[in-house]
Structures are given as C-alpha cells and as structure tokens.
Amino acid sequence: MRRSVTLALALSATLAALTPTPSASAAVLPGHVCFWPQPGEMGGGWCYDAGRGGYAELDATVRRNAKSFSSQVDRTTYVLHFPRSGGCLQRTVYGGDYSENWEWADKADAIDTVPHSDCQPG
C-alpha cells in the first residue's frame, strides 16, 4: 500500500513538472506573472512563480519581447531591464496588473519579488 501511494505521488509530481506553461488559451494561475510575445496574451507564454520568489531571467521567447503580461499575485513584483549602456531600470508590477499591449515590451529582462536598490524606476 505504501509503495502504491509513493508511486502515485511520484507520478503526480512528474506530470506536474511536464505541464506546459499557460498560453493565451489558458487562464493565468494564481500566484504567477505571465508574459507573452504578442499583444493580447497571444503566442507561447512564459510564467514566473511569485510564490517561490527570488530573481529569475525571463525566457528567451519573451525577454525584451514581452508584448503583453498578466499578474495574478497578491504581492508586488519588479520587472528589471539591463540596458546595454549599463545600469538597471525596474518597473513595479502590482498584483492584478495586466497589459494587452505593454509599452515596456522591449525592456523586460528579468523579474524579482524584491526591489533592487541599484535600479532606477523605469
């Protein structure tokens, strides 16, 4: 019996790990901030799990190409931009924020759950 439960839990964890990132056809999961390479939450999206927290670089499909986003978190997150000329800019994203045609599309490089003191507001 114990082996069956362990096997079932292992299979469940494996299936969860293989679940694709939500796309425009799927709702953004609570606790996630998702980005899409096309306006209107279209194209292959990439999502950040704010519950895990910490710094994460955006996936190559949306890095500096996040035309739309949706934040379904109960906390503030910070989208970071690292210009080629140096320095850092950060954009505050509040829980519930979204944009169907984001003006920061060509600047989104990374995301974090804590503000970076070395970044300027952007």
PDB file of N, CA and C in Angstrom:
ATOM      1  N   MET A   1       0.830  -1.191   0.000  1.00  0.00           N
ATOM      2  CA  MET A   1       0.000   0.000   0.000  1.00  0.00           C
ATOM      3  C   MET A   1       0.873   1.254   0.000  1.00  0.00           C
ATOM      4  N   ARG A   2       1.890   1.280   0.878  1.00  0.00           N
ATOM      5  CA  ARG A   2       2.769   2.445   0.971  1.00  0.00           C
ATOM      6  C   ARG A   2       3.485   2.664  -0.359  1.00  0.00           C
ATOM      7  N   ARG A   3       3.893   1.570  -1.017  1.00  0.00           N
ATOM      8  CA  ARG A   3       4.590   1.680  -2.295  1.00  0.00           C
ATOM      9  C   ARG A   3       3.660   2.286  -3.357  1.00  0.00           C
ATOM     10  N   SER A   4       2.384   1.902  -3.337  1.00  0.00           N
ATOM     11  CA  SER A   4       1.420   2.440  -4.299  1.00  0.00           C
ATOM     12  C   SER A   4       1.229   3.939  -4.101  1.00  0.00           C
ATOM     13  N   VAL A   5       1.160   4.368  -2.847  1.00  0.00           N
ATOM     14  CA  VAL A   5       0.997   5.797  -2.556  1.00  0.00           C
ATOM     15  C   VAL A   5       2.235   6.559  -3.001  1.00  0.00           C
ATOM     16  N   THR A   6       3.407   6.019  -2.704  1.00  0.00           N
ATOM     17  CA  THR A   6       4.665   6.670  -3.106  1.00  0.00           C
ATOM     18  C   THR A   6       4.753   6.765  -4.617  1.00  0.00           C
ATOM     19  N   LEU A   7       4.400   5.690  -5.312  1.00  0.00           N
ATOM     20  CA  LEU A   7       4.433   5.686  -6.768  1.00  0.00           C
ATOM     21  C   LEU A   7       3.435   6.701  -7.337  1.00  0.00           C
ATOM     22  N   ALA A   8       2.245   6.777  -6.759  1.00  0.00           N
ATOM     23  CA  ALA A   8       1.234   7.727  -7.210  1.00  0.00           C
ATOM     24  C   ALA A   8       1.704   9.166  -7.010  1.00  0.00           C
ATOM     25  N   LEU A   9       2.331   9.449  -5.885  1.00  0.00           N
ATOM     26  CA  LEU A   9       2.847  10.799  -5.628  1.00  0.00           C
ATOM     27  C   LEU A   9       3.970  11.140  -6.599  1.00  0.00           C
ATOM     28  N   ALA A  10       4.851  10.199  -6.867  1.00  0.00           N
ATOM     29  CA  ALA A  10       5.946  10.432  -7.811  1.00  0.00           C
ATOM     30  C   ALA A  10       5.407  10.697  -9.209  1.00  0.00           C
ATOM     31  N   LEU A  11       4.408   9.930  -9.631  1.00  0.00           N
ATOM     32  CA  LEU A  11       3.805  10.133 -10.942  1.00  0.00           C
ATOM     33  C   LEU A  11       3.125  11.493 -11.021  1.00  0.00           C
ATOM     34  N   SER A  12       2.427  11.880  -9.968  1.00  0.00           N
ATOM     35  CA  SER A  12       1.761  13.180  -9.923  1.00  0.00           C
ATOM     36  C   SER A  12       2.768  14.315 -10.038  1.00  0.00           C
ATOM     37  N   ALA A  13       3.886  14.211  -9.318  1.00  0.00           N
ATOM     38  CA  ALA A  13       4.927  15.247  -9.377  1.00  0.00           C
ATOM     39  C   ALA A  13       5.537  15.319 -10.767  1.00  0.00           C
ATOM     40  N   THR A  14       5.750  14.178 -11.401  1.00  0.00           N
ATOM     41  CA  THR A  14       6.317  14.153 -12.752  1.00  0.00           C
ATOM     42  C   THR A  14       5.368  14.810 -13.745  1.00  0.00           C
ATOM     43  N   LEU A  15       4.097  14.493 -13.665  1.00  0.00           N
ATOM     44  CA  LEU A  15       3.120  15.099 -14.566  1.00  0.00           C
ATOM     45  C   LEU A  15       3.025  16.602 -14.363  1.00  0.00           C
ATOM     46  N   ALA A  16       3.108  17.052 -13.113  1.00  0.00           N
ATOM     47  CA  ALA A  16       3.066  18.495 -12.833  1.00  0.00           C
ATOM     48  C   ALA A  16       4.264  19.190 -13.442  1.00  0.00           C
ATOM     49  N   ALA A  17       5.426  18.559 -13.382  1.00  0.00           N
ATOM     50  CA  ALA A  17       6.642  19.152 -13.948  1.00  0.00           C
ATOM     51  C   ALA A  17       6.559  19.235 -15.471  1.00  0.00           C
ATOM     52  N   LEU A  18       5.830  18.318 -16.100  1.00  0.00           N
ATOM     53  CA  LEU A  18       5.723  18.294 -17.551  1.00  0.00           C
ATOM     54  C   LEU A  18       4.591  19.149 -18.083  1.00  0.00           C
ATOM     55  N   THR A  19       3.777  19.710 -17.208  1.00  0.00           N
ATOM     56  CA  THR A  19       2.656  20.538 -17.627  1.00  0.00           C
ATOM     57  C   THR A  19       3.191  21.787 -18.324  1.00  0.00           C
ATOM     58  N   PRO A  20       2.716  22.087 -19.533  1.00  0.00           N
ATOM     59  CA  PRO A  20       3.234  23.242 -20.257  1.00  0.00           C
ATOM     60  C   PRO A  20       2.864  24.558 -19.584  1.00  0.00           C
ATOM     61  N   THR A  21       3.651  25.578 -19.892  1.00  0.00           N
ATOM     62  CA  THR A  21       3.386  26.922 -19.394  1.00  0.00           C
ATOM     63  C   THR A  21       2.067  27.401 -19.973  1.00  0.00           C
ATOM     64  N   PRO A  22       1.236  28.080 -19.181  1.00  0.00           N
ATOM     65  CA  PRO A  22      -0.050  28.548 -19.703  1.00  0.00           C
ATOM     66  C   PRO A  22       0.126  29.437 -20.926  1.00  0.00           C
ATOM     67  N   SER A  23      -0.761  29.295 -21.869  1.00  0.00           N
ATOM     68  CA  SER A  23      -0.760  30.149 -23.049  1.00  0.00           C
ATOM     69  C   SER A  23      -2.005  31.021 -22.992  1.00  0.00           C
ATOM     70  N   ALA A  24      -2.242  31.768 -24.050  1.00  0.00           N
ATOM     71  CA  ALA A  24      -3.389  32.671 -24.059  1.00  0.00           C
ATOM     72  C   ALA A  24      -4.702  31.923 -23.885  1.00  0.00           C
ATOM     73  N   SER A  25      -4.734  30.668 -24.269  1.00  0.00           N
ATOM     74  CA  SER A  25      -5.984  29.922 -24.157  1.00  0.00           C
ATOM     75  C   SER A  25      -6.230  29.419 -22.737  1.00  0.00           C
ATOM     76  N   ALA A  26      -5.227  29.486 -21.890  1.00  0.00           N
ATOM     77  CA  ALA A  26      -5.370  29.028 -20.504  1.00  0.00           C
ATOM     78  C   ALA A  26      -5.304  30.228 -19.574  1.00  0.00           C
ATOM     79  N   ALA A  27      -6.055  30.179 -18.494  1.00  0.00           N
ATOM     80  CA  ALA A  27      -6.036  31.259 -17.512  1.00  0.00           C
ATOM     81  C   ALA A  27      -4.690  31.263 -16.784  1.00  0.00           C
ATOM     82  N   VAL A  28      -4.254  32.444 -16.397  1.00  0.00           N
ATOM     83  CA  VAL A  28      -3.027  32.568 -15.615  1.00  0.00           C
ATOM     84  C   VAL A  28      -3.305  32.001 -14.226  1.00  0.00           C
ATOM     85  N   LEU A  29      -2.444  31.118 -13.777  1.00  0.00           N
ATOM     86  CA  LEU A  29      -2.623  30.504 -12.469  1.00  0.00           C
ATOM     87  C   LEU A  29      -2.419  31.530 -11.360  1.00  0.00           C
ATOM     88  N   PRO A  30      -3.186  31.450 -10.285  1.00  0.00           N
ATOM     89  CA  PRO A  30      -2.951  32.342  -9.147  1.00  0.00           C
ATOM     90  C   PRO A  30      -1.512  32.201  -8.668  1.00  0.00           C
ATOM     91  N   GLY A  31      -0.905  33.325  -8.302  1.00  0.00           N
ATOM     92  CA  GLY A  31       0.470  33.316  -7.826  1.00  0.00           C
ATOM     93  C   GLY A  31       1.514  33.431  -8.919  1.00  0.00           C
ATOM     94  N   HIS A  32       1.086  33.646 -10.162  1.00  0.00           N
ATOM     95  CA  HIS A  32       2.016  33.727 -11.287  1.00  0.00           C
ATOM     96  C   HIS A  32       1.908  35.074 -12.007  1.00  0.00           C
ATOM     97  N   VAL A  33       3.020  35.471 -12.600  1.00  0.00           N
ATOM     98  CA  VAL A  33       3.059  36.609 -13.509  1.00  0.00           C
ATOM     99  C   VAL A  33       3.471  36.017 -14.851  1.00  0.00           C
ATOM    100  N   CYS A  34       2.630  36.202 -15.873  1.00  0.00           N
ATOM    101  CA  CYS A  34       2.897  35.616 -17.184  1.00  0.00           C
ATOM    102  C   CYS A  34       3.129  36.698 -18.230  1.00  0.00           C
ATOM    103  N   PHE A  35       3.995  36.369 -19.178  1.00  0.00           N
ATOM    104  CA  PHE A  35       4.359  37.272 -20.267  1.00  0.00           C
ATOM    105  C   PHE A  35       4.151  36.545 -21.586  1.00  0.00           C
ATOM    106  N   TRP A  36       3.736  37.306 -22.628  1.00  0.00           N
ATOM    107  CA  TRP A  36       3.532  36.738 -23.952  1.00  0.00           C
ATOM    108  C   TRP A  36       4.264  37.583 -24.991  1.00  0.00           C
ATOM    109  N   PRO A  37       4.741  36.953 -26.079  1.00  0.00           N
ATOM    110  CA  PRO A  37       5.476  37.693 -27.111  1.00  0.00           C
ATOM    111  C   PRO A  37       4.587  38.449 -28.098  1.00  0.00           C
ATOM    112  N   GLN A  38       3.274  38.325 -27.950  1.00  0.00           N
ATOM    113  CA  GLN A  38       2.356  39.027 -28.837  1.00  0.00           C
ATOM    114  C   GLN A  38       1.324  39.781 -28.004  1.00  0.00           C
ATOM    115  N   PRO A  39       0.796  40.883 -28.531  1.00  0.00           N
ATOM    116  CA  PRO A  39      -0.261  41.594 -27.823  1.00  0.00           C
ATOM    117  C   PRO A  39      -1.464  40.681 -27.590  1.00  0.00           C
ATOM    118  N   GLY A  40      -2.262  41.013 -26.585  1.00  0.00           N
ATOM    119  CA  GLY A  40      -3.474  40.257 -26.313  1.00  0.00           C
ATOM    120  C   GLY A  40      -3.230  38.889 -25.697  1.00  0.00           C
ATOM    121  N   GLU A  41      -2.097  38.739 -25.015  1.00  0.00           N
ATOM    122  CA  GLU A  41      -1.757  37.478 -24.360  1.00  0.00           C
ATOM    123  C   GLU A  41      -1.745  36.317 -25.347  1.00  0.00           C
ATOM    124  N   MET A  42      -1.118  36.533 -26.490  1.00  0.00           N
ATOM    125  CA  MET A  42      -1.049  35.518 -27.537  1.00  0.00           C
ATOM    126  C   MET A  42       0.393  35.055 -27.727  1.00  0.00           C
ATOM    127  N   GLY A  43       0.540  33.885 -28.293  1.00  0.00           N
ATOM    128  CA  GLY A  43       1.856  33.294 -28.528  1.00  0.00           C
ATOM    129  C   GLY A  43       2.254  32.426 -27.353  1.00  0.00           C
ATOM    130  N   GLY A  44       3.360  31.782 -27.467  1.00  0.00           N
ATOM    131  CA  GLY A  44       3.855  30.920 -26.388  1.00  0.00           C
ATOM    132  C   GLY A  44       4.284  31.740 -25.196  1.00  0.00           C
ATOM    133  N   GLY A  45       3.524  31.682 -24.124  1.00  0.00           N
ATOM    134  CA  GLY A  45       3.804  32.477 -22.938  1.00  0.00           C
ATOM    135  C   GLY A  45       4.829  31.840 -22.016  1.00  0.00           C
ATOM    136  N   TRP A  46       5.320  32.644 -21.083  1.00  0.00           N
ATOM    137  CA  TRP A  46       6.233  32.190 -20.036  1.00  0.00           C
ATOM    138  C   TRP A  46       5.748  32.789 -18.726  1.00  0.00           C
ATOM    139  N   CYS A  47       5.726  31.965 -17.671  1.00  0.00           N
ATOM    140  CA  CYS A  47       5.200  32.413 -16.389  1.00  0.00           C
ATOM    141  C   CYS A  47       6.237  32.311 -15.277  1.00  0.00           C
ATOM    142  N   TYR A  48       6.175  33.266 -14.379  1.00  0.00           N
ATOM    143  CA  TYR A  48       7.036  33.332 -13.194  1.00  0.00           C
ATOM    144  C   TYR A  48       6.189  32.975 -11.983  1.00  0.00           C
ATOM    145  N   ASP A  49       6.685  32.072 -11.156  1.00  0.00           N
ATOM    146  CA  ASP A  49       6.000  31.658  -9.935  1.00  0.00           C
ATOM    147  C   ASP A  49       6.442  32.569  -8.800  1.00  0.00           C
ATOM    148  N   ALA A  50       5.628  33.586  -8.513  1.00  0.00           N
ATOM    149  CA  ALA A  50       5.975  34.561  -7.474  1.00  0.00           C
ATOM    150  C   ALA A  50       5.960  33.942  -6.088  1.00  0.00           C
ATOM    151  N   GLY A  51       5.257  32.838  -5.914  1.00  0.00           N
ATOM    152  CA  GLY A  51       5.239  32.154  -4.624  1.00  0.00           C
ATOM    153  C   GLY A  51       6.610  31.618  -4.241  1.00  0.00           C
ATOM    154  N   ARG A  52       7.367  31.214  -5.230  1.00  0.00           N
ATOM    155  CA  ARG A  52       8.746  30.765  -4.980  1.00  0.00           C
ATOM    156  C   ARG A  52       9.654  31.949  -4.684  1.00  0.00           C
ATOM    157  N   GLY A  53       9.307  33.082  -5.273  1.00  0.00           N
ATOM    158  CA  GLY A  53      10.086  34.303  -5.052  1.00  0.00           C
ATOM    159  C   GLY A  53      11.454  34.242  -5.682  1.00  0.00           C
ATOM    160  N   GLY A  54      12.172  35.322  -5.496  1.00  0.00           N
ATOM    161  CA  GLY A  54      13.535  35.391  -5.999  1.00  0.00           C
ATOM    162  C   GLY A  54      13.640  35.884  -7.426  1.00  0.00           C
ATOM    163  N   TYR A  55      14.868  36.090  -7.813  1.00  0.00           N
ATOM    164  CA  TYR A  55      15.223  36.608  -9.131  1.00  0.00           C
ATOM    165  C   TYR A  55      15.098  35.520 -10.192  1.00  0.00           C
ATOM    166  N   ALA A  56      14.578  35.902 -11.356  1.00  0.00           N
ATOM    167  CA  ALA A  56      14.522  34.986 -12.494  1.00  0.00           C
ATOM    168  C   ALA A  56      14.644  35.787 -13.778  1.00  0.00           C
ATOM    169  N   GLU A  57      15.453  35.292 -14.689  1.00  0.00           N
ATOM    170  CA  GLU A  57      15.529  35.899 -16.003  1.00  0.00           C
ATOM    171  C   GLU A  57      14.366  35.386 -16.837  1.00  0.00           C
ATOM    172  N   LEU A  58      13.785  36.272 -17.650  1.00  0.00           N
ATOM    173  CA  LEU A  58      12.682  35.866 -18.498  1.00  0.00           C
ATOM    174  C   LEU A  58      13.176  34.889 -19.559  1.00  0.00           C
ATOM    175  N   ASP A  59      12.308  33.989 -19.962  1.00  0.00           N
ATOM    176  CA  ASP A  59      12.599  33.032 -21.015  1.00  0.00           C
ATOM    177  C   ASP A  59      12.936  33.782 -22.303  1.00  0.00           C
ATOM    178  N   ALA A  60      13.759  33.181 -23.136  1.00  0.00           N
ATOM    179  CA  ALA A  60      14.195  33.820 -24.380  1.00  0.00           C
ATOM    180  C   ALA A  60      13.024  34.214 -25.287  1.00  0.00           C
ATOM    181  N   THR A  61      11.908  33.511 -25.202  1.00  0.00           N
ATOM    182  CA  THR A  61      10.764  33.837 -26.067  1.00  0.00           C
ATOM    183  C   THR A  61      10.124  35.172 -25.720  1.00  0.00           C
ATOM    184  N   VAL A  62      10.298  35.639 -24.481  1.00  0.00           N
ATOM    185  CA  VAL A  62       9.681  36.900 -24.064  1.00  0.00           C
ATOM    186  C   VAL A  62      10.685  37.936 -23.571  1.00  0.00           C
ATOM    187  N   ARG A  63      11.951  37.562 -23.405  1.00  0.00           N
ATOM    188  CA  ARG A  63      12.953  38.531 -22.956  1.00  0.00           C
ATOM    189  C   ARG A  63      13.096  39.620 -24.014  1.00  0.00           C
ATOM    190  N   ARG A  64      12.877  40.858 -23.574  1.00  0.00           N
ATOM    191  CA  ARG A  64      12.871  42.047 -24.442  1.00  0.00           C
ATOM    192  C   ARG A  64      11.865  41.915 -25.572  1.00  0.00           C
ATOM    193  N   ASN A  65      10.835  41.115 -25.344  1.00  0.00           N
ATOM    194  CA  ASN A  65       9.788  40.913 -26.332  1.00  0.00           C
ATOM    195  C   ASN A  65       8.481  40.521 -25.643  1.00  0.00           C
ATOM    196  N   ALA A  66       8.217  41.132 -24.487  1.00  0.00           N
ATOM    197  CA  ALA A  66       7.011  40.810 -23.713  1.00  0.00           C
ATOM    198  C   ALA A  66       5.917  41.803 -24.081  1.00  0.00           C
ATOM    199  N   LYS A  67       5.223  41.523 -25.151  1.00  0.00           N
ATOM    200  CA  LYS A  67       4.216  42.460 -25.662  1.00  0.00           C
ATOM    201  C   LYS A  67       2.979  42.558 -24.769  1.00  0.00           C
ATOM    202  N   SER A  68       2.730  41.522 -23.956  1.00  0.00           N
ATOM    203  CA  SER A  68       1.603  41.577 -23.021  1.00  0.00           C
ATOM    204  C   SER A  68       1.960  40.783 -21.769  1.00  0.00           C
ATOM    205  N   PHE A  69       1.275  41.097 -20.666  1.00  0.00           N
ATOM    206  CA  PHE A  69       1.522  40.398 -19.411  1.00  0.00           C
ATOM    207  C   PHE A  69       0.279  40.422 -18.537  1.00  0.00           C
ATOM    208  N   SER A  70       0.256  39.526 -17.553  1.00  0.00           N
ATOM    209  CA  SER A  70      -0.820  39.483 -16.565  1.00  0.00           C
ATOM    210  C   SER A  70      -0.229  39.012 -15.243  1.00  0.00           C
ATOM    211  N   SER A  71      -0.518  39.752 -14.174  1.00  0.00           N
ATOM    212  CA  SER A  71      -0.026  39.416 -12.839  1.00  0.00           C
ATOM    213  C   SER A  71      -1.191  38.938 -11.975  1.00  0.00           C
ATOM    214  N   GLN A  72      -1.151  37.686 -11.579  1.00  0.00           N
ATOM    215  CA  GLN A  72      -2.189  37.125 -10.723  1.00  0.00           C
ATOM    216  C   GLN A  72      -1.583  36.754  -9.369  1.00  0.00           C
ATOM    217  N   VAL A  73      -0.910  37.730  -8.770  1.00  0.00           N
ATOM    218  CA  VAL A  73      -0.262  37.523  -7.479  1.00  0.00           C
ATOM    219  C   VAL A  73      -0.843  38.488  -6.462  1.00  0.00           C
ATOM    220  N   ASP A  74      -0.628  38.191  -5.185  1.00  0.00           N
ATOM    221  CA  ASP A  74      -1.114  39.076  -4.124  1.00  0.00           C
ATOM    222  C   ASP A  74       0.033  39.884  -3.531  1.00  0.00           C
ATOM    223  N   ARG A  75       1.049  40.124  -4.348  1.00  0.00           N
ATOM    224  CA  ARG A  75       2.207  40.897  -3.903  1.00  0.00           C
ATOM    225  C   ARG A  75       2.760  41.687  -5.075  1.00  0.00           C
ATOM    226  N   THR A  76       3.645  42.599  -4.762  1.00  0.00           N
ATOM    227  CA  THR A  76       4.293  43.401  -5.785  1.00  0.00           C
ATOM    228  C   THR A  76       5.491  42.640  -6.333  1.00  0.00           C
ATOM    229  N   THR A  77       5.689  42.722  -7.636  1.00  0.00           N
ATOM    230  CA  THR A  77       6.886  42.173  -8.259  1.00  0.00           C
ATOM    231  C   THR A  77       7.576  43.306  -9.020  1.00  0.00           C
ATOM    232  N   TYR A  78       8.792  43.049  -9.443  1.00  0.00           N
ATOM    233  CA  TYR A  78       9.593  44.077 -10.104  1.00  0.00           C
ATOM    234  C   TYR A  78      10.207  43.495 -11.370  1.00  0.00           C
ATOM    235  N   VAL A  79       9.861  44.100 -12.511  1.00  0.00           N
ATOM    236  CA  VAL A  79      10.436  43.691 -13.783  1.00  0.00           C
ATOM    237  C   VAL A  79      11.679  44.541 -14.000  1.00  0.00           C
ATOM    238  N   LEU A  80      12.774  43.886 -14.343  1.00  0.00           N
ATOM    239  CA  LEU A  80      14.068  44.550 -14.456  1.00  0.00           C
ATOM    240  C   LEU A  80      14.523  44.657 -15.902  1.00  0.00           C
ATOM    241  N   HIS A  81      15.219  45.755 -16.194  1.00  0.00           N
ATOM    242  CA  HIS A  81      15.816  45.980 -17.519  1.00  0.00           C
ATOM    243  C   HIS A  81      17.270  46.362 -17.319  1.00  0.00           C
ATOM    244  N   PHE A  82      18.135  45.713 -18.069  1.00  0.00           N
ATOM    245  CA  PHE A  82      19.570  45.985 -18.014  1.00  0.00           C
ATOM    246  C   PHE A  82      20.008  46.535 -19.367  1.00  0.00           C
ATOM    247  N   PRO A  83      19.992  47.875 -19.522  1.00  0.00           N
ATOM    248  CA  PRO A  83      20.377  48.477 -20.804  1.00  0.00           C
ATOM    249  C   PRO A  83      21.812  48.127 -21.179  1.00  0.00           C
ATOM    250  N   ARG A  84      22.069  48.074 -22.457  1.00  0.00           N
ATOM    251  CA  ARG A  84      23.430  47.770 -22.942  1.00  0.00           C
ATOM    252  C   ARG A  84      24.432  48.818 -22.456  1.00  0.00           C
ATOM    253  N   SER A  85      23.949  50.022 -22.201  1.00  0.00           N
ATOM    254  CA  SER A  85      24.837  51.102 -21.738  1.00  0.00           C
ATOM    255  C   SER A  85      25.187  50.975 -20.260  1.00  0.00           C
ATOM    256  N   GLY A  86      24.582  50.006 -19.574  1.00  0.00           N
ATOM    257  CA  GLY A  86      24.865  49.798 -18.159  1.00  0.00           C
ATOM    258  C   GLY A  86      23.726  50.257 -17.277  1.00  0.00           C
ATOM    259  N   GLY A  87      23.847  49.972 -16.011  1.00  0.00           N
ATOM    260  CA  GLY A  87      22.814  50.355 -15.060  1.00  0.00           C
ATOM    261  C   GLY A  87      21.650  49.380 -15.053  1.00  0.00           C
ATOM    262  N   CYS A  88      20.592  49.811 -14.415  1.00  0.00           N
ATOM    263  CA  CYS A  88      19.418  48.957 -14.269  1.00  0.00           C
ATOM    264  C   CYS A  88      18.184  49.834 -14.085  1.00  0.00           C
ATOM    265  N   LEU A  89      17.097  49.440 -14.714  1.00  0.00           N
ATOM    266  CA  LEU A  89      15.795  50.069 -14.522  1.00  0.00           C
ATOM    267  C   LEU A  89      14.850  49.005 -13.987  1.00  0.00           C
ATOM    268  N   GLN A  90      13.908  49.416 -13.139  1.00  0.00           N
ATOM    269  CA  GLN A  90      12.909  48.459 -12.677  1.00  0.00           C
ATOM    270  C   GLN A  90      11.523  49.049 -12.783  1.00  0.00           C
ATOM    271  N   ARG A  91      10.590  48.197 -13.139  1.00  0.00           N
ATOM    272  CA  ARG A  91       9.191  48.573 -13.291  1.00  0.00           C
ATOM    273  C   ARG A  91       8.387  47.820 -12.245  1.00  0.00           C
ATOM    274  N   THR A  92       7.646  48.530 -11.423  1.00  0.00           N
ATOM    275  CA  THR A  92       6.818  47.906 -10.398  1.00  0.00           C
ATOM    276  C   THR A  92       5.560  47.340 -11.040  1.00  0.00           C
ATOM    277  N   VAL A  93       5.271  46.077 -10.717  1.00  0.00           N
ATOM    278  CA  VAL A  93       4.060  45.411 -11.199  1.00  0.00           C
ATOM    279  C   VAL A  93       3.283  44.972  -9.966  1.00  0.00           C
ATOM    280  N   TYR A  94       2.086  45.498  -9.826  1.00  0.00           N
ATOM    281  CA  TYR A  94       1.249  45.188  -8.670  1.00  0.00           C
ATOM    282  C   TYR A  94       0.368  43.976  -8.963  1.00  0.00           C
ATOM    283  N   GLY A  95      -0.077  43.316  -7.912  1.00  0.00           N
ATOM    284  CA  GLY A  95      -0.989  42.193  -8.074  1.00  0.00           C
ATOM    285  C   GLY A  95      -2.233  42.632  -8.828  1.00  0.00           C
ATOM    286  N   GLY A  96      -2.614  41.879  -9.829  1.00  0.00           N
ATOM    287  CA  GLY A  96      -3.779  42.210 -10.638  1.00  0.00           C
ATOM    288  C   GLY A  96      -3.478  43.062 -11.854  1.00  0.00           C
ATOM    289  N   ASP A  97      -2.250  43.587 -11.970  1.00  0.00           N
ATOM    290  CA  ASP A  97      -1.883  44.383 -13.146  1.00  0.00           C
ATOM    291  C   ASP A  97      -1.871  43.502 -14.395  1.00  0.00           C
ATOM    292  N   TYR A  98      -2.160  44.106 -15.524  1.00  0.00           N
ATOM    293  CA  TYR A  98      -2.035  43.430 -16.811  1.00  0.00           C
ATOM    294  C   TYR A  98      -1.948  44.471 -17.912  1.00  0.00           C
ATOM    295  N   SER A  99      -1.452  44.067 -19.039  1.00  0.00           N
ATOM    296  CA  SER A  99      -1.455  44.923 -20.211  1.00  0.00           C
ATOM    297  C   SER A  99      -1.581  44.042 -21.443  1.00  0.00           C
ATOM    298  N   GLU A 100      -2.476  44.409 -22.320  1.00  0.00           N
ATOM    299  CA  GLU A 100      -2.676  43.683 -23.579  1.00  0.00           C
ATOM    300  C   GLU A 100      -1.677  44.141 -24.640  1.00  0.00           C
ATOM    301  N   ASN A 101      -1.044  45.301 -24.423  1.00  0.00           N
ATOM    302  CA  ASN A 101      -0.076  45.855 -25.369  1.00  0.00           C
ATOM    303  C   ASN A 101       0.919  46.687 -24.562  1.00  0.00           C
ATOM    304  N   TRP A 102       1.850  46.034 -23.915  1.00  0.00           N
ATOM    305  CA  TRP A 102       2.726  46.625 -22.914  1.00  0.00           C
ATOM    306  C   TRP A 102       3.796  47.514 -23.523  1.00  0.00           C
ATOM    307  N   GLU A 103       3.884  48.757 -23.016  1.00  0.00           N
ATOM    308  CA  GLU A 103       4.887  49.708 -23.520  1.00  0.00           C
ATOM    309  C   GLU A 103       6.311  49.343 -23.097  1.00  0.00           C
ATOM    310  N   TRP A 104       6.460  48.442 -22.134  1.00  0.00           N
ATOM    311  CA  TRP A 104       7.791  48.023 -21.679  1.00  0.00           C
ATOM    312  C   TRP A 104       8.255  46.758 -22.398  1.00  0.00           C
ATOM    313  N   ALA A 105       7.610  46.390 -23.474  1.00  0.00           N
ATOM    314  CA  ALA A 105       7.845  45.118 -24.170  1.00  0.00           C
ATOM    315  C   ALA A 105       9.319  44.869 -24.494  1.00  0.00           C
ATOM    316  N   ASP A 106      10.022  45.894 -24.941  1.00  0.00           N
ATOM    317  CA  ASP A 106      11.417  45.701 -25.366  1.00  0.00           C
ATOM    318  C   ASP A 106      12.416  45.897 -24.229  1.00  0.00           C
ATOM    319  N   LYS A 107      11.924  46.008 -22.987  1.00  0.00           N
ATOM    320  CA  LYS A 107      12.816  46.238 -21.853  1.00  0.00           C
ATOM    321  C   LYS A 107      12.834  45.096 -20.843  1.00  0.00           C
ATOM    322  N   ALA A 108      11.861  44.216 -20.845  1.00  0.00           N
ATOM    323  CA  ALA A 108      11.749  43.187 -19.805  1.00  0.00           C
ATOM    324  C   ALA A 108      12.847  42.132 -19.951  1.00  0.00           C
ATOM    325  N   ASP A 109      13.771  42.116 -18.987  1.00  0.00           N
ATOM    326  CA  ASP A 109      14.871  41.148 -18.981  1.00  0.00           C
ATOM    327  C   ASP A 109      14.722  40.110 -17.869  1.00  0.00           C
ATOM    328  N   ALA A 110      14.216  40.543 -16.703  1.00  0.00           N
ATOM    329  CA  ALA A 110      14.158  39.668 -15.533  1.00  0.00           C
ATOM    330  C   ALA A 110      13.028  40.133 -14.626  1.00  0.00           C
ATOM    331  N   ILE A 111      12.750  39.336 -13.597  1.00  0.00           N
ATOM    332  CA  ILE A 111      11.692  39.659 -12.632  1.00  0.00           C
ATOM    333  C   ILE A 111      12.153  39.221 -11.248  1.00  0.00           C
ATOM    334  N   ASP A 112      11.698  39.926 -10.221  1.00  0.00           N
ATOM    335  CA  ASP A 112      12.052  39.587  -8.844  1.00  0.00           C
ATOM    336  C   ASP A 112      10.895  39.984  -7.929  1.00  0.00           C
ATOM    337  N   THR A 113      10.897  39.429  -6.739  1.00  0.00           N
ATOM    338  CA  THR A 113       9.865  39.771  -5.758  1.00  0.00           C
ATOM    339  C   THR A 113      10.343  40.837  -4.786  1.00  0.00           C
ATOM    340  N   VAL A 114      11.590  41.250  -4.912  1.00  0.00           N
ATOM    341  CA  VAL A 114      12.122  42.325  -4.068  1.00  0.00           C
ATOM    342  C   VAL A 114      12.686  43.421  -4.969  1.00  0.00           C
ATOM    343  N   PRO A 115      12.547  44.681  -4.556  1.00  0.00           N
ATOM    344  CA  PRO A 115      13.119  45.765  -5.356  1.00  0.00           C
ATOM    345  C   PRO A 115      14.643  45.722  -5.287  1.00  0.00           C
ATOM    346  N   HIS A 116      15.263  46.189  -6.337  1.00  0.00           N
ATOM    347  CA  HIS A 116      16.725  46.246  -6.388  1.00  0.00           C
ATOM    348  C   HIS A 116      17.155  47.691  -6.127  1.00  0.00           C
ATOM    349  N   SER A 117      17.900  47.895  -5.067  1.00  0.00           N
ATOM    350  CA  SER A 117      18.295  49.253  -4.678  1.00  0.00           C
ATOM    351  C   SER A 117      19.209  49.921  -5.695  1.00  0.00           C
ATOM    352  N   ASP A 118      19.862  49.129  -6.538  1.00  0.00           N
ATOM    353  CA  ASP A 118      20.762  49.691  -7.546  1.00  0.00           C
ATOM    354  C   ASP A 118      20.029  49.995  -8.866  1.00  0.00           C
ATOM    355  N   CYS A 119      18.721  49.809  -8.908  1.00  0.00           N
ATOM    356  CA  CYS A 119      17.933  50.081 -10.114  1.00  0.00           C
ATOM    357  C   CYS A 119      17.144  51.374  -9.956  1.00  0.00           C
ATOM    358  N   GLN A 120      17.033  52.095 -11.041  1.00  0.00           N
ATOM    359  CA  GLN A 120      16.234  53.304 -11.095  1.00  0.00           C
ATOM    360  C   GLN A 120      14.806  52.952 -11.521  1.00  0.00           C
ATOM    361  N   PRO A 121      13.814  53.701 -11.064  1.00  0.00           N
ATOM    362  CA  PRO A 121      12.443  53.455 -11.535  1.00  0.00           C
ATOM    363  C   PRO A 121      12.380  53.638 -13.049  1.00  0.00           C
ATOM    364  N   GLY A 122      11.599  52.796 -13.704  1.00  0.00           N
ATOM    365  CA  GLY A 122      11.549  52.869 -15.157  1.00  0.00           C
ATOM    366  C   GLY A 122      10.189  53.014 -15.729  1.00  0.00           C
TER     367      GLY A 122
END
